[in-house]
Amino acid sequence: MNAEVSRANLMKVSELIERLQHLSPDLDVLVEGYETGFDAIHCLKVCTVARNATAEDWDGEFEESPDGVQEALLILGRRGHRRD
């Protein structure tokens, strides 16, 4: 399998705008982090998050939490650590 992402698999700005138009403009936006480089967008996901007050340097500032009080839009990359 070729490790390169073909341009056909990359989300275009027009597609991202179309998807964002269906969401609340007041949502905070979060992205996966850590390590190097960039990935194609895998999906957009709205979920409830809470700030991780004890996050280590390698942890994100927020984590998904059913008890969280903040809704956010997550932009998830194609090879993020949570992909199967």
C-alpha atoms as a PDB file:
ATOM      1  CA  MET A   1       0.000   0.000   0.000  1.00  0.00           C
ATOM      2  CA  ASN A   2       1.309   3.423  -0.926  1.00  0.00           C
ATOM      3  CA  ALA A   3       2.000   5.549   2.160  1.00  0.00           C
ATOM      4  CA  GLU A   4       1.321   8.790   0.290  1.00  0.00           C
ATOM      5  CA  VAL A   5      -2.121  10.369   0.448  1.00  0.00           C
ATOM      6  CA  SER A   6      -3.501  11.031  -3.019  1.00  0.00           C
ATOM      7  CA  ARG A   7      -4.896  14.495  -3.654  1.00  0.00           C
ATOM      8  CA  ALA A   8      -8.281  12.851  -4.271  1.00  0.00           C
ATOM      9  CA  ASN A   9      -8.398  11.931  -0.544  1.00  0.00           C
ATOM     10  CA  LEU A  10      -7.717  15.458   0.692  1.00  0.00           C
ATOM     11  CA  MET A  11     -10.630  17.579   1.881  1.00  0.00           C
ATOM     12  CA  LYS A  12     -11.023  20.789  -0.074  1.00  0.00           C
ATOM     13  CA  VAL A  13     -11.805  24.141   1.561  1.00  0.00           C
ATOM     14  CA  SER A  14     -15.218  24.143  -0.132  1.00  0.00           C
ATOM     15  CA  GLU A  15     -16.104  20.800   1.510  1.00  0.00           C
ATOM     16  CA  LEU A  16     -14.910  21.985   4.917  1.00  0.00           C
ATOM     17  CA  ILE A  17     -16.957  25.193   4.602  1.00  0.00           C
ATOM     18  CA  GLU A  18     -20.029  23.163   3.592  1.00  0.00           C
ATOM     19  CA  ARG A  19     -19.709  20.943   6.662  1.00  0.00           C
ATOM     20  CA  LEU A  20     -19.014  23.869   8.999  1.00  0.00           C
ATOM     21  CA  GLN A  21     -22.132  25.731   7.833  1.00  0.00           C
ATOM     22  CA  HIS A  22     -24.273  23.076   9.550  1.00  0.00           C
ATOM     23  CA  LEU A  23     -22.670  23.692  12.957  1.00  0.00           C
ATOM     24  CA  SER A  24     -23.090  26.368  15.584  1.00  0.00           C
ATOM     25  CA  PRO A  25     -20.748  29.301  14.905  1.00  0.00           C
ATOM     26  CA  ASP A  26     -20.155  29.498  18.667  1.00  0.00           C
ATOM     27  CA  LEU A  27     -18.436  26.089  18.936  1.00  0.00           C
ATOM     28  CA  ASP A  28     -14.800  26.082  19.953  1.00  0.00           C
ATOM     29  CA  VAL A  29     -12.530  24.262  17.480  1.00  0.00           C
ATOM     30  CA  LEU A  30      -9.910  21.738  18.611  1.00  0.00           C
ATOM     31  CA  VAL A  31      -7.392  19.700  16.610  1.00  0.00           C
ATOM     32  CA  GLU A  32      -5.274  16.677  17.386  1.00  0.00           C
ATOM     33  CA  GLY A  33      -1.746  17.500  18.312  1.00  0.00           C
ATOM     34  CA  TYR A  34       1.625  16.032  19.229  1.00  0.00           C
ATOM     35  CA  GLU A  35       4.543  14.879  17.135  1.00  0.00           C
ATOM     36  CA  THR A  36       5.392  16.233  13.685  1.00  0.00           C
ATOM     37  CA  GLY A  37       3.867  16.774  10.271  1.00  0.00           C
ATOM     38  CA  PHE A  38       0.334  17.093   9.001  1.00  0.00           C
ATOM     39  CA  ASP A  39      -2.460  14.690   8.041  1.00  0.00           C
ATOM     40  CA  ALA A  40      -5.513  14.890   5.834  1.00  0.00           C
ATOM     41  CA  ILE A  41      -8.792  15.502   7.669  1.00  0.00           C
ATOM     42  CA  HIS A  42     -10.424  12.224   8.689  1.00  0.00           C
ATOM     43  CA  CYS A  43     -13.636  13.647  10.110  1.00  0.00           C
ATOM     44  CA  LEU A  44     -15.310  16.461  12.008  1.00  0.00           C
ATOM     45  CA  LYS A  45     -16.851  15.516  15.331  1.00  0.00           C
ATOM     46  CA  VAL A  46     -18.843  17.558  17.854  1.00  0.00           C
ATOM     47  CA  CYS A  47     -18.445  16.339  21.416  1.00  0.00           C
ATOM     48  CA  THR A  48     -18.344  17.449  25.028  1.00  0.00           C
ATOM     49  CA  VAL A  49     -14.891  18.177  26.388  1.00  0.00           C
ATOM     50  CA  ALA A  50     -13.277  19.204  29.639  1.00  0.00           C
ATOM     51  CA  ARG A  51      -9.941  20.938  30.187  1.00  0.00           C
ATOM     52  CA  ASN A  52      -7.287  18.505  31.406  1.00  0.00           C
ATOM     53  CA  ALA A  53      -5.790  20.500  34.275  1.00  0.00           C
ATOM     54  CA  THR A  54      -3.105  17.872  34.910  1.00  0.00           C
ATOM     55  CA  ALA A  55      -2.061  17.395  31.278  1.00  0.00           C
ATOM     56  CA  GLU A  56       1.527  16.419  30.654  1.00  0.00           C
ATOM     57  CA  ASP A  57       3.507  18.033  27.824  1.00  0.00           C
ATOM     58  CA  TRP A  58       2.507  15.190  25.482  1.00  0.00           C
ATOM     59  CA  ASP A  59      -1.201  15.372  26.392  1.00  0.00           C
ATOM     60  CA  GLY A  60      -3.760  17.648  24.801  1.00  0.00           C
ATOM     61  CA  GLU A  61      -5.206  20.538  26.807  1.00  0.00           C
ATOM     62  CA  PHE A  62      -8.682  19.019  26.553  1.00  0.00           C
ATOM     63  CA  GLU A  63     -10.142  15.529  26.685  1.00  0.00           C
ATOM     64  CA  GLU A  64     -13.479  14.087  25.679  1.00  0.00           C
ATOM     65  CA  SER A  65     -15.702  13.903  28.746  1.00  0.00           C
ATOM     66  CA  PRO A  66     -19.385  13.049  29.150  1.00  0.00           C
ATOM     67  CA  ASP A  67     -19.311  15.254  32.264  1.00  0.00           C
ATOM     68  CA  GLY A  68     -17.702  18.187  30.454  1.00  0.00           C
ATOM     69  CA  VAL A  69     -19.561  21.453  30.182  1.00  0.00           C
ATOM     70  CA  GLN A  70     -17.977  22.665  26.954  1.00  0.00           C
ATOM     71  CA  GLU A  71     -19.021  21.524  23.492  1.00  0.00           C
ATOM     72  CA  ALA A  72     -16.346  21.652  20.828  1.00  0.00           C
ATOM     73  CA  LEU A  73     -15.753  20.715  17.212  1.00  0.00           C
ATOM     74  CA  LEU A  74     -12.876  18.264  16.833  1.00  0.00           C
ATOM     75  CA  ILE A  75     -11.046  18.136  13.511  1.00  0.00           C
ATOM     76  CA  LEU A  76      -9.490  14.678  13.449  1.00  0.00           C
ATOM     77  CA  GLY A  77      -6.583  13.713  11.226  1.00  0.00           C
ATOM     78  CA  ARG A  78      -6.383  10.601   9.071  1.00  0.00           C
ATOM     79  CA  ARG A  79      -3.667   8.919  11.157  1.00  0.00           C
ATOM     80  CA  GLY A  80      -4.352  10.348  14.585  1.00  0.00           C
ATOM     81  CA  HIS A  81      -3.610   8.169  17.586  1.00  0.00           C
ATOM     82  CA  ARG A  82      -7.292   7.279  17.961  1.00  0.00           C
ATOM     83  CA  ARG A  83      -7.732   5.852  14.454  1.00  0.00           C
ATOM     84  CA  ASP A  84      -7.907   2.057  14.290  1.00  0.00           C
END
